[in-house]
Amino acid sequence: MDVQNIEVGKRITELRLDRGYTREKLSELADVSVQFLADIEKGRKSMTVATLRKLSAALLVSTDYIVNGTAEQDDNFPIISILNTLSEKDKKRAEIILTAFAEAVNSKD
C-alpha cells in the first residue's frame, strides 16, 4: 500500500468521524460507493481529482487538507465549499437566500 494513500485515508476517516458521519452518509454526500470509500479510508485505493473534490465538499475542508494535512486558513471555506457543489442556477438561489438572511440578521442590530 502507498503511504500517501494511507495518510489521506486516515485524514478522511478522522474528518468523517469528527463530522459524525457514517461511511454510508459520507458515501451518499460524496456520491461514491460505501465500498470505495472504505477502500480509500484504509489506503487500499487512490481516487480521482473529481472524487477528491466531492469528498472535500462533503467534509467541508479543502482538497489540500485531505492531501497534505495543512490547516484551513479561510473561515468561509465551509460555505464556499457548499456553494461550489451547486449548479449555476442553484448558486443564484443561494445568493438570494443568503442576502435575505444577512439582511434579517443585520436588521436585528
PDB file of N, CA and C in Angstrom:
ATOM      1  N   MET A   1       0.841  -1.197   0.000  1.00  0.00           N
ATOM      2  CA  MET A   1       0.000   0.000   0.000  1.00  0.00           C
ATOM      3  C   MET A   1       0.876   1.247   0.000  1.00  0.00           C
ATOM      4  N   ASP A   2       0.406   2.260  -0.669  1.00  0.00           N
ATOM      5  CA  ASP A   2       1.087   3.534  -0.770  1.00  0.00           C
ATOM      6  C   ASP A   2       0.925   4.318   0.533  1.00  0.00           C
ATOM      7  N   VAL A   3       2.027   4.816   1.080  1.00  0.00           N
ATOM      8  CA  VAL A   3       1.999   5.557   2.346  1.00  0.00           C
ATOM      9  C   VAL A   3       1.121   6.795   2.246  1.00  0.00           C
ATOM     10  N   GLN A   4       1.184   7.487   1.126  1.00  0.00           N
ATOM     11  CA  GLN A   4       0.358   8.686   0.955  1.00  0.00           C
ATOM     12  C   GLN A   4      -1.132   8.322   0.958  1.00  0.00           C
ATOM     13  N   ASN A   5      -1.501   7.226   0.321  1.00  0.00           N
ATOM     14  CA  ASN A   5      -2.904   6.794   0.341  1.00  0.00           C
ATOM     15  C   ASN A   5      -3.354   6.490   1.762  1.00  0.00           C
ATOM     16  N   ILE A   6      -2.484   5.892   2.556  1.00  0.00           N
ATOM     17  CA  ILE A   6      -2.817   5.577   3.946  1.00  0.00           C
ATOM     18  C   ILE A   6      -3.037   6.861   4.739  1.00  0.00           C
ATOM     19  N   GLU A   7      -2.160   7.854   4.555  1.00  0.00           N
ATOM     20  CA  GLU A   7      -2.302   9.135   5.270  1.00  0.00           C
ATOM     21  C   GLU A   7      -3.582   9.848   4.856  1.00  0.00           C
ATOM     22  N   VAL A   8      -3.873   9.871   3.566  1.00  0.00           N
ATOM     23  CA  VAL A   8      -5.102  10.503   3.058  1.00  0.00           C
ATOM     24  C   VAL A   8      -6.314   9.789   3.641  1.00  0.00           C
ATOM     25  N   GLY A   9      -6.278   8.478   3.629  1.00  0.00           N
ATOM     26  CA  GLY A   9      -7.381   7.689   4.172  1.00  0.00           C
ATOM     27  C   GLY A   9      -7.621   7.965   5.649  1.00  0.00           C
ATOM     28  N   LYS A  10      -6.539   8.102   6.408  1.00  0.00           N
ATOM     29  CA  LYS A  10      -6.674   8.408   7.843  1.00  0.00           C
ATOM     30  C   LYS A  10      -7.309   9.780   8.047  1.00  0.00           C
ATOM     31  N   ARG A  11      -6.891  10.757   7.241  1.00  0.00           N
ATOM     32  CA  ARG A  11      -7.482  12.101   7.369  1.00  0.00           C
ATOM     33  C   ARG A  11      -8.969  12.076   7.040  1.00  0.00           C
ATOM     34  N   ILE A  12      -9.338  11.360   5.993  1.00  0.00           N
ATOM     35  CA  ILE A  12     -10.752  11.277   5.620  1.00  0.00           C
ATOM     36  C   ILE A  12     -11.545  10.598   6.726  1.00  0.00           C
ATOM     37  N   THR A  13     -11.012   9.527   7.284  1.00  0.00           N
ATOM     38  CA  THR A  13     -11.695   8.831   8.381  1.00  0.00           C
ATOM     39  C   THR A  13     -11.872   9.746   9.577  1.00  0.00           C
ATOM     40  N   GLU A  14     -10.807  10.460   9.962  1.00  0.00           N
ATOM     41  CA  GLU A  14     -10.888  11.387  11.102  1.00  0.00           C
ATOM     42  C   GLU A  14     -11.925  12.474  10.863  1.00  0.00           C
ATOM     43  N   LEU A  15     -11.921  13.042   9.670  1.00  0.00           N
ATOM     44  CA  LEU A  15     -12.890  14.082   9.337  1.00  0.00           C
ATOM     45  C   LEU A  15     -14.312  13.535   9.369  1.00  0.00           C
ATOM     46  N   ARG A  16     -14.485  12.354   8.809  1.00  0.00           N
ATOM     47  CA  ARG A  16     -15.819  11.737   8.794  1.00  0.00           C
ATOM     48  C   ARG A  16     -16.330  11.530  10.215  1.00  0.00           C
ATOM     49  N   LEU A  17     -15.481  11.010  11.076  1.00  0.00           N
ATOM     50  CA  LEU A  17     -15.881  10.770  12.458  1.00  0.00           C
ATOM     51  C   LEU A  17     -16.116  12.080  13.200  1.00  0.00           C
ATOM     52  N   ASP A  18     -15.271  13.084  12.954  1.00  0.00           N
ATOM     53  CA  ASP A  18     -15.455  14.411  13.578  1.00  0.00           C
ATOM     54  C   ASP A  18     -16.797  15.018  13.192  1.00  0.00           C
ATOM     55  N   ARG A  19     -17.231  14.759  11.966  1.00  0.00           N
ATOM     56  CA  ARG A  19     -18.497  15.315  11.489  1.00  0.00           C
ATOM     57  C   ARG A  19     -19.698  14.470  11.942  1.00  0.00           C
ATOM     58  N   GLY A  20     -19.395  13.305  12.535  1.00  0.00           N
ATOM     59  CA  GLY A  20     -20.465  12.422  12.985  1.00  0.00           C
ATOM     60  C   GLY A  20     -21.117  11.638  11.848  1.00  0.00           C
ATOM     61  N   TYR A  21     -20.394  11.469  10.749  1.00  0.00           N
ATOM     62  CA  TYR A  21     -20.929  10.756   9.595  1.00  0.00           C
ATOM     63  C   TYR A  21     -20.564   9.277   9.646  1.00  0.00           C
ATOM     64  N   THR A  22     -21.497   8.449   9.247  1.00  0.00           N
ATOM     65  CA  THR A  22     -21.184   7.054   8.979  1.00  0.00           C
ATOM     66  C   THR A  22     -20.566   6.989   7.591  1.00  0.00           C
ATOM     67  N   ARG A  23     -19.992   5.857   7.262  1.00  0.00           N
ATOM     68  CA  ARG A  23     -19.490   5.702   5.892  1.00  0.00           C
ATOM     69  C   ARG A  23     -20.635   5.815   4.891  1.00  0.00           C
ATOM     70  N   GLU A  24     -21.773   5.283   5.282  1.00  0.00           N
ATOM     71  CA  GLU A  24     -22.932   5.340   4.392  1.00  0.00           C
ATOM     72  C   GLU A  24     -23.332   6.788   4.113  1.00  0.00           C
ATOM     73  N   LYS A  25     -23.352   7.613   5.151  1.00  0.00           N
ATOM     74  CA  LYS A  25     -23.747   9.018   4.995  1.00  0.00           C
ATOM     75  C   LYS A  25     -22.740   9.767   4.122  1.00  0.00           C
ATOM     76  N   LEU A  26     -21.445   9.612   4.412  1.00  0.00           N
ATOM     77  CA  LEU A  26     -20.440  10.298   3.607  1.00  0.00           C
ATOM     78  C   LEU A  26     -20.473   9.794   2.166  1.00  0.00           C
ATOM     79  N   SER A  27     -20.671   8.515   1.983  1.00  0.00           N
ATOM     80  CA  SER A  27     -20.771   7.963   0.628  1.00  0.00           C
ATOM     81  C   SER A  27     -21.904   8.624  -0.141  1.00  0.00           C
ATOM     82  N   GLU A  28     -23.024   8.789   0.539  1.00  0.00           N
ATOM     83  CA  GLU A  28     -24.182   9.437  -0.080  1.00  0.00           C
ATOM     84  C   GLU A  28     -23.866  10.895  -0.416  1.00  0.00           C
ATOM     85  N   LEU A  29     -23.286  11.616   0.525  1.00  0.00           N
ATOM     86  CA  LEU A  29     -22.971  13.033   0.310  1.00  0.00           C
ATOM     87  C   LEU A  29     -21.965  13.235  -0.815  1.00  0.00           C
ATOM     88  N   ALA A  30     -21.004  12.330  -0.917  1.00  0.00           N
ATOM     89  CA  ALA A  30     -19.940  12.476  -1.921  1.00  0.00           C
ATOM     90  C   ALA A  30     -20.221  11.698  -3.204  1.00  0.00           C
ATOM     91  N   ASP A  31     -21.351  10.991  -3.230  1.00  0.00           N
ATOM     92  CA  ASP A  31     -21.741  10.230  -4.413  1.00  0.00           C
ATOM     93  C   ASP A  31     -20.679   9.208  -4.821  1.00  0.00           C
ATOM     94  N   VAL A  32     -20.218   8.432  -3.825  1.00  0.00           N
ATOM     95  CA  VAL A  32     -19.305   7.308  -4.079  1.00  0.00           C
ATOM     96  C   VAL A  32     -19.878   6.090  -3.364  1.00  0.00           C
ATOM     97  N   SER A  33     -19.441   4.920  -3.753  1.00  0.00           N
ATOM     98  CA  SER A  33     -19.947   3.713  -3.095  1.00  0.00           C
ATOM     99  C   SER A  33     -19.327   3.573  -1.703  1.00  0.00           C
ATOM    100  N   VAL A  34     -20.037   2.902  -0.834  1.00  0.00           N
ATOM    101  CA  VAL A  34     -19.546   2.670   0.521  1.00  0.00           C
ATOM    102  C   VAL A  34     -18.248   1.862   0.467  1.00  0.00           C
ATOM    103  N   GLN A  35     -18.217   0.856  -0.397  1.00  0.00           N
ATOM    104  CA  GLN A  35     -17.013   0.017  -0.502  1.00  0.00           C
ATOM    105  C   GLN A  35     -15.823   0.827  -0.995  1.00  0.00           C
ATOM    106  N   PHE A  36     -16.039   1.696  -1.977  1.00  0.00           N
ATOM    107  CA  PHE A  36     -14.932   2.515  -2.483  1.00  0.00           C
ATOM    108  C   PHE A  36     -14.437   3.455  -1.394  1.00  0.00           C
ATOM    109  N   LEU A  37     -15.349   4.063  -0.637  1.00  0.00           N
ATOM    110  CA  LEU A  37     -14.946   4.931   0.466  1.00  0.00           C
ATOM    111  C   LEU A  37     -14.146   4.143   1.495  1.00  0.00           C
ATOM    112  N   ALA A  38     -14.589   2.932   1.823  1.00  0.00           N
ATOM    113  CA  ALA A  38     -13.849   2.092   2.777  1.00  0.00           C
ATOM    114  C   ALA A  38     -12.441   1.808   2.252  1.00  0.00           C
ATOM    115  N   ASP A  39     -12.320   1.520   0.968  1.00  0.00           N
ATOM    116  CA  ASP A  39     -11.004   1.261   0.372  1.00  0.00           C
ATOM    117  C   ASP A  39     -10.111   2.503   0.423  1.00  0.00           C
ATOM    118  N   ILE A  40     -10.695   3.676   0.200  1.00  0.00           N
ATOM    119  CA  ILE A  40      -9.926   4.925   0.287  1.00  0.00           C
ATOM    120  C   ILE A  40      -9.471   5.145   1.732  1.00  0.00           C
ATOM    121  N   GLU A  41     -10.402   4.994   2.679  1.00  0.00           N
ATOM    122  CA  GLU A  41     -10.068   5.228   4.083  1.00  0.00           C
ATOM    123  C   GLU A  41      -8.984   4.280   4.582  1.00  0.00           C
ATOM    124  N   LYS A  42      -8.958   3.070   4.062  1.00  0.00           N
ATOM    125  CA  LYS A  42      -7.958   2.093   4.505  1.00  0.00           C
ATOM    126  C   LYS A  42      -6.671   2.171   3.689  1.00  0.00           C
ATOM    127  N   GLY A  43      -6.627   3.119   2.735  1.00  0.00           N
ATOM    128  CA  GLY A  43      -5.419   3.305   1.930  1.00  0.00           C
ATOM    129  C   GLY A  43      -5.227   2.268   0.851  1.00  0.00           C
ATOM    130  N   ARG A  44      -6.250   1.474   0.576  1.00  0.00           N
ATOM    131  CA  ARG A  44      -6.133   0.422  -0.444  1.00  0.00           C
ATOM    132  C   ARG A  44      -6.303   0.957  -1.855  1.00  0.00           C
ATOM    133  N   LYS A  45      -7.011   2.085  -1.976  1.00  0.00           N
ATOM    134  CA  LYS A  45      -7.250   2.662  -3.303  1.00  0.00           C
ATOM    135  C   LYS A  45      -7.003   4.160  -3.265  1.00  0.00           C
ATOM    136  N   SER A  46      -6.599   4.682  -4.402  1.00  0.00           N
ATOM    137  CA  SER A  46      -6.487   6.132  -4.560  1.00  0.00           C
ATOM    138  C   SER A  46      -7.747   6.610  -5.272  1.00  0.00           C
ATOM    139  N   MET A  47      -7.863   7.924  -5.429  1.00  0.00           N
ATOM    140  CA  MET A  47      -9.081   8.464  -6.036  1.00  0.00           C
ATOM    141  C   MET A  47      -8.738   9.482  -7.109  1.00  0.00           C
ATOM    142  N   THR A  48      -9.720   9.751  -7.938  1.00  0.00           N
ATOM    143  CA  THR A  48      -9.548  10.765  -8.970  1.00  0.00           C
ATOM    144  C   THR A  48      -9.682  12.151  -8.336  1.00  0.00           C
ATOM    145  N   VAL A  49      -9.319  13.149  -9.080  1.00  0.00           N
ATOM    146  CA  VAL A  49      -9.483  14.526  -8.614  1.00  0.00           C
ATOM    147  C   VAL A  49     -10.961  14.827  -8.396  1.00  0.00           C
ATOM    148  N   ALA A  50     -11.808  14.317  -9.263  1.00  0.00           N
ATOM    149  CA  ALA A  50     -13.249  14.552  -9.121  1.00  0.00           C
ATOM    150  C   ALA A  50     -13.761  13.981  -7.796  1.00  0.00           C
ATOM    151  N   THR A  51     -13.329  12.786  -7.438  1.00  0.00           N
ATOM    152  CA  THR A  51     -13.745  12.178  -6.170  1.00  0.00           C
ATOM    153  C   THR A  51     -13.175  12.955  -4.996  1.00  0.00           C
ATOM    154  N   LEU A  52     -11.927  13.378  -5.105  1.00  0.00           N
ATOM    155  CA  LEU A  52     -11.311  14.194  -4.056  1.00  0.00           C
ATOM    156  C   LEU A  52     -12.116  15.469  -3.825  1.00  0.00           C
ATOM    157  N   ARG A  53     -12.533  16.103  -4.893  1.00  0.00           N
ATOM    158  CA  ARG A  53     -13.342  17.323  -4.770  1.00  0.00           C
ATOM    159  C   ARG A  53     -14.682  17.044  -4.098  1.00  0.00           C
ATOM    160  N   LYS A  54     -15.317  15.939  -4.479  1.00  0.00           N
ATOM    161  CA  LYS A  54     -16.605  15.593  -3.867  1.00  0.00           C
ATOM    162  C   LYS A  54     -16.453  15.317  -2.374  1.00  0.00           C
ATOM    163  N   LEU A  55     -15.404  14.596  -2.010  1.00  0.00           N
ATOM    164  CA  LEU A  55     -15.173  14.301  -0.591  1.00  0.00           C
ATOM    165  C   LEU A  55     -14.850  15.564   0.192  1.00  0.00           C
ATOM    166  N   SER A  56     -14.037  16.442  -0.386  1.00  0.00           N
ATOM    167  CA  SER A  56     -13.697  17.676   0.324  1.00  0.00           C
ATOM    168  C   SER A  56     -14.924  18.551   0.513  1.00  0.00           C
ATOM    169  N   ALA A  57     -15.805  18.595  -0.483  1.00  0.00           N
ATOM    170  CA  ALA A  57     -17.041  19.374  -0.353  1.00  0.00           C
ATOM    171  C   ALA A  57     -17.945  18.765   0.719  1.00  0.00           C
ATOM    172  N   ALA A  58     -18.066  17.442   0.718  1.00  0.00           N
ATOM    173  CA  ALA A  58     -18.921  16.775   1.696  1.00  0.00           C
ATOM    174  C   ALA A  58     -18.385  16.933   3.109  1.00  0.00           C
ATOM    175  N   LEU A  59     -17.062  16.974   3.252  1.00  0.00           N
ATOM    176  CA  LEU A  59     -16.433  17.097   4.568  1.00  0.00           C
ATOM    177  C   LEU A  59     -16.152  18.549   4.963  1.00  0.00           C
ATOM    178  N   LEU A  60     -16.428  19.466   4.039  1.00  0.00           N
ATOM    179  CA  LEU A  60     -16.240  20.901   4.271  1.00  0.00           C
ATOM    180  C   LEU A  60     -14.802  21.268   4.624  1.00  0.00           C
ATOM    181  N   VAL A  61     -13.876  20.689   3.874  1.00  0.00           N
ATOM    182  CA  VAL A  61     -12.454  21.019   4.002  1.00  0.00           C
ATOM    183  C   VAL A  61     -11.880  21.182   2.605  1.00  0.00           C
ATOM    184  N   SER A  62     -10.706  21.755   2.531  1.00  0.00           N
ATOM    185  CA  SER A  62     -10.065  21.914   1.228  1.00  0.00           C
ATOM    186  C   SER A  62      -9.465  20.590   0.760  1.00  0.00           C
ATOM    187  N   THR A  63      -9.287  20.481  -0.534  1.00  0.00           N
ATOM    188  CA  THR A  63      -8.610  19.302  -1.067  1.00  0.00           C
ATOM    189  C   THR A  63      -7.181  19.252  -0.541  1.00  0.00           C
ATOM    190  N   ASP A  64      -6.581  20.410  -0.350  1.00  0.00           N
ATOM    191  CA  ASP A  64      -5.225  20.482   0.180  1.00  0.00           C
ATOM    192  C   ASP A  64      -5.145  19.851   1.567  1.00  0.00           C
ATOM    193  N   TYR A  65      -6.162  20.083   2.372  1.00  0.00           N
ATOM    194  CA  TYR A  65      -6.148  19.483   3.706  1.00  0.00           C
ATOM    195  C   TYR A  65      -6.202  17.959   3.607  1.00  0.00           C
ATOM    196  N   ILE A  66      -7.050  17.435   2.740  1.00  0.00           N
ATOM    197  CA  ILE A  66      -7.149  15.984   2.601  1.00  0.00           C
ATOM    198  C   ILE A  66      -5.830  15.404   2.099  1.00  0.00           C
ATOM    199  N   VAL A  67      -5.230  16.037   1.115  1.00  0.00           N
ATOM    200  CA  VAL A  67      -3.999  15.505   0.518  1.00  0.00           C
ATOM    201  C   VAL A  67      -2.784  15.725   1.409  1.00  0.00           C
ATOM    202  N   ASN A  68      -2.628  16.943   1.941  1.00  0.00           N
ATOM    203  CA  ASN A  68      -1.399  17.297   2.656  1.00  0.00           C
ATOM    204  C   ASN A  68      -1.545  17.480   4.156  1.00  0.00           C
ATOM    205  N   GLY A  69      -2.773  17.585   4.636  1.00  0.00           N
ATOM    206  CA  GLY A  69      -2.969  17.774   6.067  1.00  0.00           C
ATOM    207  C   GLY A  69      -2.742  19.192   6.544  1.00  0.00           C
ATOM    208  N   THR A  70      -2.703  20.137   5.614  1.00  0.00           N
ATOM    209  CA  THR A  70      -2.490  21.530   6.006  1.00  0.00           C
ATOM    210  C   THR A  70      -3.779  22.120   6.549  1.00  0.00           C
ATOM    211  N   ALA A  71      -3.642  22.997   7.525  1.00  0.00           N
ATOM    212  CA  ALA A  71      -4.804  23.589   8.196  1.00  0.00           C
ATOM    213  C   ALA A  71      -5.522  24.572   7.285  1.00  0.00           C
ATOM    214  N   GLU A  72      -6.804  24.703   7.529  1.00  0.00           N
ATOM    215  CA  GLU A  72      -7.616  25.670   6.794  1.00  0.00           C
ATOM    216  C   GLU A  72      -7.222  27.090   7.203  1.00  0.00           C
ATOM    217  N   GLN A  73      -7.228  28.001   6.247  1.00  0.00           N
ATOM    218  CA  GLN A  73      -6.934  29.392   6.518  1.00  0.00           C
ATOM    219  C   GLN A  73      -8.168  30.277   6.428  1.00  0.00           C
ATOM    220  N   ASP A  74      -9.144  29.865   5.626  1.00  0.00           N
ATOM    221  CA  ASP A  74     -10.308  30.693   5.341  1.00  0.00           C
ATOM    222  C   ASP A  74     -11.503  30.233   6.173  1.00  0.00           C
ATOM    223  N   ASP A  75     -11.977  31.104   7.053  1.00  0.00           N
ATOM    224  CA  ASP A  75     -13.131  30.771   7.888  1.00  0.00           C
ATOM    225  C   ASP A  75     -14.393  30.563   7.064  1.00  0.00           C
ATOM    226  N   ASN A  76     -14.421  31.093   5.851  1.00  0.00           N
ATOM    227  CA  ASN A  76     -15.598  30.961   4.990  1.00  0.00           C
ATOM    228  C   ASN A  76     -15.559  29.712   4.122  1.00  0.00           C
ATOM    229  N   PHE A  77     -14.524  28.914   4.264  1.00  0.00           N
ATOM    230  CA  PHE A  77     -14.374  27.756   3.380  1.00  0.00           C
ATOM    231  C   PHE A  77     -15.574  26.820   3.401  1.00  0.00           C
ATOM    232  N   PRO A  78     -16.146  26.498   4.567  1.00  0.00           N
ATOM    233  CA  PRO A  78     -17.310  25.589   4.534  1.00  0.00           C
ATOM    234  C   PRO A  78     -18.454  26.111   3.666  1.00  0.00           C
ATOM    235  N   ILE A  79     -18.714  27.401   3.735  1.00  0.00           N
ATOM    236  CA  ILE A  79     -19.789  27.980   2.926  1.00  0.00           C
ATOM    237  C   ILE A  79     -19.414  27.946   1.450  1.00  0.00           C
ATOM    238  N   ILE A  80     -18.203  28.322   1.142  1.00  0.00           N
ATOM    239  CA  ILE A  80     -17.736  28.315  -0.243  1.00  0.00           C
ATOM    240  C   ILE A  80     -17.752  26.903  -0.804  1.00  0.00           C
ATOM    241  N   SER A  81     -17.350  25.953   0.004  1.00  0.00           N
ATOM    242  CA  SER A  81     -17.332  24.559  -0.424  1.00  0.00           C
ATOM    243  C   SER A  81     -18.732  24.077  -0.786  1.00  0.00           C
ATOM    244  N   ILE A  82     -19.700  24.418   0.035  1.00  0.00           N
ATOM    245  CA  ILE A  82     -21.087  24.040  -0.252  1.00  0.00           C
ATOM    246  C   ILE A  82     -21.558  24.704  -1.537  1.00  0.00           C
ATOM    247  N   LEU A  83     -21.293  25.989  -1.679  1.00  0.00           N
ATOM    248  CA  LEU A  83     -21.722  26.713  -2.877  1.00  0.00           C
ATOM    249  C   LEU A  83     -21.095  26.137  -4.142  1.00  0.00           C
ATOM    250  N   ASN A  84     -19.854  25.669  -4.030  1.00  0.00           N
ATOM    251  CA  ASN A  84     -19.174  25.109  -5.201  1.00  0.00           C
ATOM    252  C   ASN A  84     -19.777  23.805  -5.681  1.00  0.00           C
ATOM    253  N   THR A  85     -20.586  23.159  -4.864  1.00  0.00           N
ATOM    254  CA  THR A  85     -21.237  21.915  -5.285  1.00  0.00           C
ATOM    255  C   THR A  85     -22.534  22.175  -6.042  1.00  0.00           C
ATOM    256  N   LEU A  86     -22.995  23.429  -6.056  1.00  0.00           N
ATOM    257  CA  LEU A  86     -24.285  23.770  -6.654  1.00  0.00           C
ATOM    258  C   LEU A  86     -24.163  24.113  -8.134  1.00  0.00           C
ATOM    259  N   SER A  87     -25.258  23.932  -8.838  1.00  0.00           N
ATOM    260  CA  SER A  87     -25.325  24.374 -10.237  1.00  0.00           C
ATOM    261  C   SER A  87     -25.374  25.904 -10.245  1.00  0.00           C
ATOM    262  N   GLU A  88     -25.158  26.496 -11.403  1.00  0.00           N
ATOM    263  CA  GLU A  88     -25.207  27.956 -11.504  1.00  0.00           C
ATOM    264  C   GLU A  88     -26.577  28.488 -11.108  1.00  0.00           C
ATOM    265  N   LYS A  89     -27.621  27.798 -11.516  1.00  0.00           N
ATOM    266  CA  LYS A  89     -28.980  28.211 -11.176  1.00  0.00           C
ATOM    267  C   LYS A  89     -29.182  28.176  -9.660  1.00  0.00           C
ATOM    268  N   ASP A  90     -28.714  27.106  -9.015  1.00  0.00           N
ATOM    269  CA  ASP A  90     -28.868  26.994  -7.566  1.00  0.00           C
ATOM    270  C   ASP A  90     -27.961  27.971  -6.811  1.00  0.00           C
ATOM    271  N   LYS A  91     -26.827  28.331  -7.390  1.00  0.00           N
ATOM    272  CA  LYS A  91     -25.960  29.338  -6.769  1.00  0.00           C
ATOM    273  C   LYS A  91     -26.686  30.680  -6.699  1.00  0.00           C
ATOM    274  N   LYS A  92     -27.411  31.013  -7.756  1.00  0.00           N
ATOM    275  CA  LYS A  92     -28.171  32.262  -7.766  1.00  0.00           C
ATOM    276  C   LYS A  92     -29.259  32.233  -6.698  1.00  0.00           C
ATOM    277  N   ARG A  93     -29.915  31.085  -6.551  1.00  0.00           N
ATOM    278  CA  ARG A  93     -30.927  30.938  -5.496  1.00  0.00           C
ATOM    279  C   ARG A  93     -30.292  31.079  -4.114  1.00  0.00           C
ATOM    280  N   ALA A  94     -29.141  30.457  -3.929  1.00  0.00           N
ATOM    281  CA  ALA A  94     -28.437  30.533  -2.642  1.00  0.00           C
ATOM    282  C   ALA A  94     -28.041  31.974  -2.338  1.00  0.00           C
ATOM    283  N   GLU A  95     -27.623  32.707  -3.361  1.00  0.00           N
ATOM    284  CA  GLU A  95     -27.261  34.122  -3.170  1.00  0.00           C
ATOM    285  C   GLU A  95     -28.459  34.919  -2.676  1.00  0.00           C
ATOM    286  N   ILE A  96     -29.625  34.670  -3.252  1.00  0.00           N
ATOM    287  CA  ILE A  96     -30.850  35.367  -2.826  1.00  0.00           C
ATOM    288  C   ILE A  96     -31.174  35.023  -1.370  1.00  0.00           C
ATOM    289  N   ILE A  97     -31.085  33.742  -1.034  1.00  0.00           N
ATOM    290  CA  ILE A  97     -31.374  33.299   0.338  1.00  0.00           C
ATOM    291  C   ILE A  97     -30.378  33.892   1.322  1.00  0.00           C
ATOM    292  N   LEU A  98     -29.093  33.836   0.978  1.00  0.00           N
ATOM    293  CA  LEU A  98     -28.061  34.378   1.881  1.00  0.00           C
ATOM    294  C   LEU A  98     -28.184  35.893   2.043  1.00  0.00           C
ATOM    295  N   THR A  99     -28.555  36.583   0.982  1.00  0.00           N
ATOM    296  CA  THR A  99     -28.753  38.030   1.063  1.00  0.00           C
ATOM    297  C   THR A  99     -29.911  38.352   1.994  1.00  0.00           C
ATOM    298  N   ALA A 100     -31.010  37.622   1.849  1.00  0.00           N
ATOM    299  CA  ALA A 100     -32.165  37.832   2.727  1.00  0.00           C
ATOM    300  C   ALA A 100     -31.805  37.502   4.174  1.00  0.00           C
ATOM    301  N   PHE A 101     -31.052  36.438   4.374  1.00  0.00           N
ATOM    302  CA  PHE A 101     -30.624  36.058   5.721  1.00  0.00           C
ATOM    303  C   PHE A 101     -29.762  37.155   6.339  1.00  0.00           C
ATOM    304  N   ALA A 102     -28.789  37.652   5.585  1.00  0.00           N
ATOM    305  CA  ALA A 102     -27.901  38.698   6.091  1.00  0.00           C
ATOM    306  C   ALA A 102     -28.684  39.967   6.425  1.00  0.00           C
ATOM    307  N   GLU A 103     -29.619  40.316   5.587  1.00  0.00           N
ATOM    308  CA  GLU A 103     -30.435  41.498   5.843  1.00  0.00           C
ATOM    309  C   GLU A 103     -31.267  41.321   7.124  1.00  0.00           C
ATOM    310  N   ALA A 104     -31.819  40.116   7.314  1.00  0.00           N
ATOM    311  CA  ALA A 104     -32.623  39.844   8.512  1.00  0.00           C
ATOM    312  C   ALA A 104     -31.768  39.888   9.769  1.00  0.00           C
ATOM    313  N   VAL A 105     -30.598  39.311   9.698  1.00  0.00           N
ATOM    314  CA  VAL A 105     -29.693  39.307  10.866  1.00  0.00           C
ATOM    315  C   VAL A 105     -29.219  40.712  11.167  1.00  0.00           C
ATOM    316  N   ASN A 106     -28.857  41.452  10.139  1.00  0.00           N
ATOM    317  CA  ASN A 106     -28.363  42.822  10.345  1.00  0.00           C
ATOM    318  C   ASN A 106     -29.440  43.778  10.803  1.00  0.00           C
ATOM    319  N   SER A 107     -30.687  43.507  10.466  1.00  0.00           N
ATOM    320  CA  SER A 107     -31.769  44.406  10.878  1.00  0.00           C
ATOM    321  C   SER A 107     -32.088  44.276  12.365  1.00  0.00           C
ATOM    322  N   LYS A 108     -31.663  43.186  12.986  1.00  0.00           N
ATOM    323  CA  LYS A 108     -31.883  42.982  14.409  1.00  0.00           C
ATOM    324  C   LYS A 108     -30.976  43.874  15.267  1.00  0.00           C
ATOM    325  N   ASP A 109     -29.885  44.308  14.688  1.00  0.00           N
ATOM    326  CA  ASP A 109     -28.905  45.132  15.424  1.00  0.00           C
ATOM    327  C   ASP A 109     -29.372  46.521  15.568  1.00  0.00           C
TER     328      ASP A 109
END
